[in-house]
């Protein structure tokens, strides 16, 4: 279907741009996945779980252990800001 006021060349260029943008997004996702897998192999991957309802800590901990977590630490946020300075445990 052709949109009134557009040329065929313009439509083809738009489609090409869309495909290139999608491919760049896929490449970025793959690079991120590779980086996460490398961090996991090296024991440096940090995952976070937000508990929406009180009393769900045990369920979240069980899910992380089932996923292969080697260390679990509770973090209580006191502000809306996220500070990763204390996430890495030596």
PDB file of N, CA and C in Angstrom:
ATOM      1  N   UNK A   1       0.842  -1.174   0.000  1.00  0.00           N
ATOM      2  CA  UNK A   1       0.000   0.000   0.000  1.00  0.00           C
ATOM      3  C   UNK A   1       0.887   1.237   0.000  1.00  0.00           C
ATOM      4  N   UNK A   2       0.587   2.144  -0.869  1.00  0.00           N
ATOM      5  CA  UNK A   2       1.381   3.360  -0.979  1.00  0.00           C
ATOM      6  C   UNK A   2       0.694   4.484  -0.235  1.00  0.00           C
ATOM      7  N   UNK A   3       1.491   5.203   0.550  1.00  0.00           N
ATOM      8  CA  UNK A   3       0.969   6.337   1.308  1.00  0.00           C
ATOM      9  C   UNK A   3       0.945   7.549   0.392  1.00  0.00           C
ATOM     10  N   UNK A   4      -0.190   8.257   0.316  1.00  0.00           N
ATOM     11  CA  UNK A   4      -0.273   9.436  -0.551  1.00  0.00           C
ATOM     12  C   UNK A   4       0.813  10.452  -0.198  1.00  0.00           C
ATOM     13  N   UNK A   5       1.435  11.027  -1.224  1.00  0.00           N
ATOM     14  CA  UNK A   5       2.452  12.051  -1.005  1.00  0.00           C
ATOM     15  C   UNK A   5       3.854  11.497  -0.808  1.00  0.00           C
ATOM     16  N   UNK A   6       4.039  10.189  -0.960  1.00  0.00           N
ATOM     17  CA  UNK A   6       5.371   9.606  -0.819  1.00  0.00           C
ATOM     18  C   UNK A   6       5.782   8.961  -2.132  1.00  0.00           C
ATOM     19  N   UNK A   7       7.063   8.941  -2.366  1.00  0.00           N
ATOM     20  CA  UNK A   7       7.561   8.304  -3.578  1.00  0.00           C
ATOM     21  C   UNK A   7       7.961   6.872  -3.253  1.00  0.00           C
ATOM     22  N   UNK A   8       8.072   6.053  -4.277  1.00  0.00           N
ATOM     23  CA  UNK A   8       8.504   4.672  -4.094  1.00  0.00           C
ATOM     24  C   UNK A   8       9.924   4.646  -3.532  1.00  0.00           C
ATOM     25  N   UNK A   9      10.787   5.544  -4.039  1.00  0.00           N
ATOM     26  CA  UNK A   9      12.168   5.603  -3.544  1.00  0.00           C
ATOM     27  C   UNK A   9      12.187   5.956  -2.057  1.00  0.00           C
ATOM     28  N   UNK A  10      11.339   6.876  -1.662  1.00  0.00           N
ATOM     29  CA  UNK A  10      11.264   7.263  -0.246  1.00  0.00           C
ATOM     30  C   UNK A  10      10.804   6.108   0.623  1.00  0.00           C
ATOM     31  N   UNK A  11       9.846   5.345   0.127  1.00  0.00           N
ATOM     32  CA  UNK A  11       9.358   4.187   0.893  1.00  0.00           C
ATOM     33  C   UNK A  11      10.444   3.128   1.010  1.00  0.00           C
ATOM     34  N   UNK A  12      11.170   2.867  -0.072  1.00  0.00           N
ATOM     35  CA  UNK A  12      12.248   1.879  -0.054  1.00  0.00           C
ATOM     36  C   UNK A  12      13.356   2.334   0.896  1.00  0.00           C
ATOM     37  N   UNK A  13      13.700   3.618   0.851  1.00  0.00           N
ATOM     38  CA  UNK A  13      14.734   4.154   1.747  1.00  0.00           C
ATOM     39  C   UNK A  13      14.287   4.012   3.198  1.00  0.00           C
ATOM     40  N   UNK A  14      13.019   4.276   3.457  1.00  0.00           N
ATOM     41  CA  UNK A  14      12.494   4.132   4.822  1.00  0.00           C
ATOM     42  C   UNK A  14      12.560   2.701   5.296  1.00  0.00           C
ATOM     43  N   UNK A  15      12.207   1.769   4.419  1.00  0.00           N
ATOM     44  CA  UNK A  15      12.288   0.356   4.781  1.00  0.00           C
ATOM     45  C   UNK A  15      13.731  -0.064   5.035  1.00  0.00           C
ATOM     46  N   UNK A  16      14.640   0.407   4.191  1.00  0.00           N
ATOM     47  CA  UNK A  16      16.059   0.084   4.367  1.00  0.00           C
ATOM     48  C   UNK A  16      16.588   0.610   5.682  1.00  0.00           C
ATOM     49  N   UNK A  17      16.214   1.837   6.011  1.00  0.00           N
ATOM     50  CA  UNK A  17      16.643   2.422   7.282  1.00  0.00           C
ATOM     51  C   UNK A  17      16.091   1.621   8.454  1.00  0.00           C
ATOM     52  N   UNK A  18      14.835   1.217   8.346  1.00  0.00           N
ATOM     53  CA  UNK A  18      14.230   0.410   9.409  1.00  0.00           C
ATOM     54  C   UNK A  18      14.952  -0.916   9.595  1.00  0.00           C
ATOM     55  N   UNK A  19      15.307  -1.566   8.495  1.00  0.00           N
ATOM     56  CA  UNK A  19      16.020  -2.846   8.579  1.00  0.00           C
ATOM     57  C   UNK A  19      17.405  -2.675   9.182  1.00  0.00           C
ATOM     58  N   UNK A  20      18.114  -1.612   8.785  1.00  0.00           N
ATOM     59  CA  UNK A  20      19.442  -1.357   9.346  1.00  0.00           C
ATOM     60  C   UNK A  20      19.356  -1.065  10.841  1.00  0.00           C
ATOM     61  N   UNK A  21      18.365  -0.299  11.242  1.00  0.00           N
ATOM     62  CA  UNK A  21      18.183   0.018  12.655  1.00  0.00           C
ATOM     63  C   UNK A  21      17.892  -1.242  13.446  1.00  0.00           C
ATOM     64  N   UNK A  22      17.050  -2.116  12.902  1.00  0.00           N
ATOM     65  CA  UNK A  22      16.730  -3.376  13.579  1.00  0.00           C
ATOM     66  C   UNK A  22      17.984  -4.232  13.714  1.00  0.00           C
ATOM     67  N   UNK A  23      18.771  -4.336  12.654  1.00  0.00           N
ATOM     68  CA  UNK A  23      19.987  -5.150  12.688  1.00  0.00           C
ATOM     69  C   UNK A  23      20.976  -4.604  13.713  1.00  0.00           C
ATOM     70  N   UNK A  24      21.073  -3.289  13.826  1.00  0.00           N
ATOM     71  CA  UNK A  24      21.965  -2.690  14.824  1.00  0.00           C
ATOM     72  C   UNK A  24      21.475  -3.039  16.226  1.00  0.00           C
ATOM     73  N   UNK A  25      20.169  -3.028  16.427  1.00  0.00           N
ATOM     74  CA  UNK A  25      19.610  -3.400  17.725  1.00  0.00           C
ATOM     75  C   UNK A  25      19.877  -4.855  18.060  1.00  0.00           C
ATOM     76  N   UNK A  26      19.741  -5.728  17.076  1.00  0.00           N
ATOM     77  CA  UNK A  26      20.013  -7.158  17.282  1.00  0.00           C
ATOM     78  C   UNK A  26      21.486  -7.363  17.624  1.00  0.00           C
ATOM     79  N   UNK A  27      22.367  -6.666  16.926  1.00  0.00           N
ATOM     80  CA  UNK A  27      23.807  -6.788  17.204  1.00  0.00           C
ATOM     81  C   UNK A  27      24.128  -6.309  18.614  1.00  0.00           C
ATOM     82  N   UNK A  28      23.504  -5.221  19.033  1.00  0.00           N
ATOM     83  CA  UNK A  28      23.737  -4.708  20.386  1.00  0.00           C
ATOM     84  C   UNK A  28      23.230  -5.692  21.439  1.00  0.00           C
ATOM     85  N   UNK A  29      22.075  -6.314  21.180  1.00  0.00           N
ATOM     86  CA  UNK A  29      21.543  -7.308  22.123  1.00  0.00           C
ATOM     87  C   UNK A  29      22.480  -8.504  22.218  1.00  0.00           C
ATOM     88  N   UNK A  30      23.014  -8.948  21.094  1.00  0.00           N
ATOM     89  CA  UNK A  30      23.942 -10.080  21.084  1.00  0.00           C
ATOM     90  C   UNK A  30      25.217  -9.739  21.850  1.00  0.00           C
ATOM     91  N   UNK A  31      25.728  -8.527  21.671  1.00  0.00           N
ATOM     92  CA  UNK A  31      26.937  -8.103  22.391  1.00  0.00           C
ATOM     93  C   UNK A  31      26.663  -8.063  23.884  1.00  0.00           C
ATOM     94  N   UNK A  32      25.496  -7.572  24.276  1.00  0.00           N
ATOM     95  CA  UNK A  32      25.130  -7.544  25.692  1.00  0.00           C
ATOM     96  C   UNK A  32      25.004  -8.942  26.265  1.00  0.00           C
ATOM     97  N   UNK A  33      24.409  -9.840  25.502  1.00  0.00           N
ATOM     98  CA  UNK A  33      24.258 -11.224  25.955  1.00  0.00           C
ATOM     99  C   UNK A  33      25.625 -11.868  26.139  1.00  0.00           C
ATOM    100  N   UNK A  34      26.513 -11.640  25.183  1.00  0.00           N
ATOM    101  CA  UNK A  34      27.863 -12.210  25.281  1.00  0.00           C
ATOM    102  C   UNK A  34      28.593 -11.672  26.509  1.00  0.00           C
ATOM    103  N   UNK A  35      28.435 -10.382  26.778  1.00  0.00           N
ATOM    104  CA  UNK A  35      29.089  -9.774  27.950  1.00  0.00           C
ATOM    105  C   UNK A  35      28.520 -10.362  29.243  1.00  0.00           C
ATOM    106  N   UNK A  36      27.202 -10.574  29.295  1.00  0.00           N
ATOM    107  CA  UNK A  36      26.590 -11.170  30.500  1.00  0.00           C
ATOM    108  C   UNK A  36      27.063 -12.602  30.690  1.00  0.00           C
ATOM    109  N   UNK A  37      27.155 -13.357  29.599  1.00  0.00           N
ATOM    110  CA  UNK A  37      27.617 -14.745  29.713  1.00  0.00           C
ATOM    111  C   UNK A  37      29.071 -14.808  30.172  1.00  0.00           C
ATOM    112  N   UNK A  38      29.892 -13.886  29.672  1.00  0.00           N
ATOM    113  CA  UNK A  38      31.299 -13.837  30.094  1.00  0.00           C
ATOM    114  C   UNK A  38      31.387 -13.485  31.591  1.00  0.00           C
ATOM    115  N   UNK A  39      30.607 -12.504  32.023  1.00  0.00           N
ATOM    116  CA  UNK A  39      30.596 -12.117  33.436  1.00  0.00           C
ATOM    117  C   UNK A  39      30.112 -13.274  34.307  1.00  0.00           C
ATOM    118  N   UNK A  40      29.131 -14.022  33.830  1.00  0.00           N
ATOM    119  CA  UNK A  40      28.621 -15.170  34.591  1.00  0.00           C
ATOM    120  C   UNK A  40      29.697 -16.241  34.728  1.00  0.00           C
ATOM    121  N   UNK A  41      30.412 -16.532  33.635  1.00  0.00           N
ATOM    122  CA  UNK A  41      31.495 -17.526  33.698  1.00  0.00           C
ATOM    123  C   UNK A  41      32.571 -17.115  34.684  1.00  0.00           C
ATOM    124  N   UNK A  42      32.809 -15.806  34.787  1.00  0.00           N
ATOM    125  CA  UNK A  42      33.854 -15.290  35.667  1.00  0.00           C
ATOM    126  C   UNK A  42      33.356 -15.003  37.082  1.00  0.00           C
ATOM    127  N   UNK A  43      32.076 -15.285  37.342  1.00  0.00           N
ATOM    128  CA  UNK A  43      31.515 -15.049  38.668  1.00  0.00           C
ATOM    129  C   UNK A  43      31.291 -13.583  38.986  1.00  0.00           C
ATOM    130  N   UNK A  44      31.104 -12.762  37.946  1.00  0.00           N
ATOM    131  CA  UNK A  44      30.922 -11.327  38.147  1.00  0.00           C
ATOM    132  C   UNK A  44      29.531 -10.823  37.767  1.00  0.00           C
ATOM    133  N   UNK A  45      28.627 -11.703  37.422  1.00  0.00           N
ATOM    134  CA  UNK A  45      27.300 -11.272  36.992  1.00  0.00           C
ATOM    135  C   UNK A  45      26.426 -10.987  38.206  1.00  0.00           C
ATOM    136  N   UNK A  46      25.838  -9.802  38.234  1.00  0.00           N
ATOM    137  CA  UNK A  46      24.967  -9.402  39.337  1.00  0.00           C
ATOM    138  C   UNK A  46      23.545  -9.292  38.800  1.00  0.00           C
ATOM    139  N   UNK A  47      22.646 -10.022  39.414  1.00  0.00           N
ATOM    140  CA  UNK A  47      21.226  -9.946  39.059  1.00  0.00           C
ATOM    141  C   UNK A  47      20.468  -9.371  40.242  1.00  0.00           C
ATOM    142  N   UNK A  48      19.393  -8.695  39.967  1.00  0.00           N
ATOM    143  CA  UNK A  48      18.593  -8.099  41.030  1.00  0.00           C
ATOM    144  C   UNK A  48      17.142  -8.536  40.891  1.00  0.00           C
ATOM    145  N   UNK A  49      16.496  -8.677  42.013  1.00  0.00           N
ATOM    146  CA  UNK A  49      15.076  -9.022  42.043  1.00  0.00           C
ATOM    147  C   UNK A  49      14.383  -7.988  42.904  1.00  0.00           C
ATOM    148  N   UNK A  50      13.314  -7.420  42.406  1.00  0.00           N
ATOM    149  CA  UNK A  50      12.505  -6.486  43.191  1.00  0.00           C
ATOM    150  C   UNK A  50      11.307  -7.249  43.708  1.00  0.00           C
ATOM    151  N   UNK A  51      11.103  -7.181  44.989  1.00  0.00           N
ATOM    152  CA  UNK A  51       9.975  -7.889  45.597  1.00  0.00           C
ATOM    153  C   UNK A  51       8.818  -6.906  45.740  1.00  0.00           C
ATOM    154  N   UNK A  52       7.726  -7.219  45.064  1.00  0.00           N
ATOM    155  CA  UNK A  52       6.583  -6.313  45.031  1.00  0.00           C
ATOM    156  C   UNK A  52       5.693  -6.435  46.267  1.00  0.00           C
ATOM    157  N   UNK A  53       5.698  -7.601  46.898  1.00  0.00           N
ATOM    158  CA  UNK A  53       4.828  -7.811  48.057  1.00  0.00           C
ATOM    159  C   UNK A  53       5.662  -8.306  49.235  1.00  0.00           C
ATOM    160  N   UNK A  54       5.361  -7.828  50.426  1.00  0.00           N
ATOM    161  CA  UNK A  54       6.084  -8.305  51.607  1.00  0.00           C
ATOM    162  C   UNK A  54       5.942  -9.822  51.755  1.00  0.00           C
ATOM    163  N   UNK A  55       6.988 -10.456  52.262  1.00  0.00           N
ATOM    164  CA  UNK A  55       6.933 -11.890  52.496  1.00  0.00           C
ATOM    165  C   UNK A  55       7.337 -12.748  51.314  1.00  0.00           C
ATOM    166  N   UNK A  56       7.803 -12.155  50.234  1.00  0.00           N
ATOM    167  CA  UNK A  56       8.168 -12.915  49.041  1.00  0.00           C
ATOM    168  C   UNK A  56       9.672 -13.207  48.954  1.00  0.00           C
ATOM    169  N   UNK A  57      10.415 -12.863  49.995  1.00  0.00           N
ATOM    170  CA  UNK A  57      11.865 -13.038  49.973  1.00  0.00           C
ATOM    171  C   UNK A  57      12.271 -14.486  49.724  1.00  0.00           C
ATOM    172  N   UNK A  58      11.642 -15.419  50.419  1.00  0.00           N
ATOM    173  CA  UNK A  58      12.001 -16.838  50.285  1.00  0.00           C
ATOM    174  C   UNK A  58      11.743 -17.327  48.861  1.00  0.00           C
ATOM    175  N   UNK A  59      10.670 -16.893  48.269  1.00  0.00           N
ATOM    176  CA  UNK A  59      10.343 -17.296  46.898  1.00  0.00           C
ATOM    177  C   UNK A  59      11.382 -16.751  45.913  1.00  0.00           C
ATOM    178  N   UNK A  60      11.769 -15.489  46.096  1.00  0.00           N
ATOM    179  CA  UNK A  60      12.767 -14.882  45.220  1.00  0.00           C
ATOM    180  C   UNK A  60      14.119 -15.570  45.394  1.00  0.00           C
ATOM    181  N   UNK A  61      14.491 -15.852  46.623  1.00  0.00           N
ATOM    182  CA  UNK A  61      15.762 -16.526  46.889  1.00  0.00           C
ATOM    183  C   UNK A  61      15.779 -17.924  46.274  1.00  0.00           C
ATOM    184  N   UNK A  62      14.670 -18.649  46.394  1.00  0.00           N
ATOM    185  CA  UNK A  62      14.593 -19.992  45.805  1.00  0.00           C
ATOM    186  C   UNK A  62      14.729 -19.931  44.286  1.00  0.00           C
ATOM    187  N   UNK A  63      14.124 -18.935  43.661  1.00  0.00           N
ATOM    188  CA  UNK A  63      14.206 -18.785  42.202  1.00  0.00           C
ATOM    189  C   UNK A  63      15.642 -18.479  41.775  1.00  0.00           C
ATOM    190  N   UNK A  64      16.330 -17.632  42.537  1.00  0.00           N
ATOM    191  CA  UNK A  64      17.715 -17.303  42.187  1.00  0.00           C
ATOM    192  C   UNK A  64      18.627 -18.514  42.379  1.00  0.00           C
ATOM    193  N   UNK A  65      18.411 -19.275  43.439  1.00  0.00           N
ATOM    194  CA  UNK A  65      19.214 -20.489  43.648  1.00  0.00           C
ATOM    195  C   UNK A  65      18.962 -21.498  42.531  1.00  0.00           C
ATOM    196  N   UNK A  66      17.711 -21.635  42.126  1.00  0.00           N
ATOM    197  CA  UNK A  66      17.371 -22.562  41.047  1.00  0.00           C
ATOM    198  C   UNK A  66      18.024 -22.136  39.731  1.00  0.00           C
ATOM    199  N   UNK A  67      18.260 -20.829  39.570  1.00  0.00           N
ATOM    200  CA  UNK A  67      18.890 -20.311  38.358  1.00  0.00           C
ATOM    201  C   UNK A  67      20.410 -20.389  38.423  1.00  0.00           C
ATOM    202  N   UNK A  68      20.946 -20.858  39.556  1.00  0.00           N
ATOM    203  CA  UNK A  68      22.396 -21.039  39.665  1.00  0.00           C
ATOM    204  C   UNK A  68      23.139 -19.983  40.449  1.00  0.00           C
ATOM    205  N   UNK A  69      22.430 -19.161  41.210  1.00  0.00           N
ATOM    206  CA  UNK A  69      23.098 -18.121  41.999  1.00  0.00           C
ATOM    207  C   UNK A  69      24.066 -18.763  42.984  1.00  0.00           C
ATOM    208  N   UNK A  70      25.238 -18.178  43.108  1.00  0.00           N
ATOM    209  CA  UNK A  70      26.236 -18.696  44.042  1.00  0.00           C
ATOM    210  C   UNK A  70      26.280 -17.887  45.326  1.00  0.00           C
ATOM    211  N   UNK A  71      25.738 -16.676  45.288  1.00  0.00           N
ATOM    212  CA  UNK A  71      25.701 -15.829  46.466  1.00  0.00           C
ATOM    213  C   UNK A  71      24.477 -14.933  46.375  1.00  0.00           C
ATOM    214  N   UNK A  72      23.766 -14.808  47.474  1.00  0.00           N
ATOM    215  CA  UNK A  72      22.567 -13.967  47.509  1.00  0.00           C
ATOM    216  C   UNK A  72      22.719 -12.999  48.675  1.00  0.00           C
ATOM    217  N   UNK A  73      22.507 -11.724  48.407  1.00  0.00           N
ATOM    218  CA  UNK A  73      22.605 -10.706  49.447  1.00  0.00           C
ATOM    219  C   UNK A  73      21.395  -9.793  49.356  1.00  0.00           C
ATOM    220  N   UNK A  74      20.787  -9.519  50.486  1.00  0.00           N
ATOM    221  CA  UNK A  74      19.642  -8.613  50.518  1.00  0.00           C
ATOM    222  C   UNK A  74      20.143  -7.175  50.496  1.00  0.00           C
ATOM    223  N   UNK A  75      19.507  -6.351  49.684  1.00  0.00           N
ATOM    224  CA  UNK A  75      19.830  -4.936  49.602  1.00  0.00           C
ATOM    225  C   UNK A  75      18.541  -4.174  49.827  1.00  0.00           C
ATOM    226  N   UNK A  76      18.552  -3.257  50.778  1.00  0.00           N
ATOM    227  CA  UNK A  76      17.371  -2.452  51.048  1.00  0.00           C
ATOM    228  C   UNK A  76      17.620  -1.049  50.526  1.00  0.00           C
ATOM    229  N   UNK A  77      16.790  -0.621  49.616  1.00  0.00           N
ATOM    230  CA  UNK A  77      16.917   0.737  49.076  1.00  0.00           C
ATOM    231  C   UNK A  77      16.281   1.708  50.041  1.00  0.00           C
ATOM    232  N   UNK A  78      16.997   2.786  50.336  1.00  0.00           N
ATOM    233  CA  UNK A  78      16.465   3.806  51.236  1.00  0.00           C
ATOM    234  C   UNK A  78      16.061   5.065  50.480  1.00  0.00           C
ATOM    235  N   UNK A  79      16.459   5.159  49.218  1.00  0.00           N
ATOM    236  CA  UNK A  79      16.080   6.287  48.368  1.00  0.00           C
ATOM    237  C   UNK A  79      15.709   5.738  47.002  1.00  0.00           C
ATOM    238  N   UNK A  80      15.226   6.601  46.151  1.00  0.00           N
ATOM    239  CA  UNK A  80      14.875   6.179  44.797  1.00  0.00           C
ATOM    240  C   UNK A  80      16.117   6.029  43.917  1.00  0.00           C
ATOM    241  N   UNK A  81      17.253   6.576  44.369  1.00  0.00           N
ATOM    242  CA  UNK A  81      18.477   6.494  43.587  1.00  0.00           C
ATOM    243  C   UNK A  81      19.075   5.094  43.667  1.00  0.00           C
ATOM    244  N   UNK A  82      19.694   4.661  42.589  1.00  0.00           N
ATOM    245  CA  UNK A  82      20.361   3.361  42.568  1.00  0.00           C
ATOM    246  C   UNK A  82      21.860   3.611  42.652  1.00  0.00           C
ATOM    247  N   UNK A  83      22.500   3.036  43.643  1.00  0.00           N
ATOM    248  CA  UNK A  83      23.937   3.195  43.855  1.00  0.00           C
ATOM    249  C   UNK A  83      24.568   1.815  43.823  1.00  0.00           C
ATOM    250  N   UNK A  84      25.315   1.530  42.765  1.00  0.00           N
ATOM    251  CA  UNK A  84      25.916   0.209  42.622  1.00  0.00           C
ATOM    252  C   UNK A  84      27.267   0.089  43.321  1.00  0.00           C
ATOM    253  N   UNK A  85      27.694   1.099  44.040  1.00  0.00           N
ATOM    254  CA  UNK A  85      29.012   1.112  44.669  1.00  0.00           C
ATOM    255  C   UNK A  85      29.211  -0.070  45.625  1.00  0.00           C
ATOM    256  N   UNK A  86      28.139  -0.525  46.264  1.00  0.00           N
ATOM    257  CA  UNK A  86      28.277  -1.604  47.251  1.00  0.00           C
ATOM    258  C   UNK A  86      27.808  -2.952  46.730  1.00  0.00           C
ATOM    259  N   UNK A  87      27.521  -3.080  45.438  1.00  0.00           N
ATOM    260  CA  UNK A  87      27.017  -4.335  44.903  1.00  0.00           C
ATOM    261  C   UNK A  87      28.086  -5.402  44.839  1.00  0.00           C
ATOM    262  N   UNK A  88      29.319  -5.032  44.574  1.00  0.00           N
ATOM    263  CA  UNK A  88      30.389  -6.012  44.428  1.00  0.00           C
ATOM    264  C   UNK A  88      30.921  -6.377  45.808  1.00  0.00           C
ATOM    265  N   UNK A  89      30.839  -7.653  46.115  1.00  0.00           N
ATOM    266  CA  UNK A  89      31.313  -8.146  47.397  1.00  0.00           C
ATOM    267  C   UNK A  89      32.648  -8.836  47.158  1.00  0.00           C
ATOM    268  N   UNK A  90      33.676  -8.436  47.896  1.00  0.00           N
ATOM    269  CA  UNK A  90      35.031  -8.946  47.676  1.00  0.00           C
ATOM    270  C   UNK A  90      35.293 -10.266  48.219  1.00  0.00           C
TER     271      UNK A  90
END
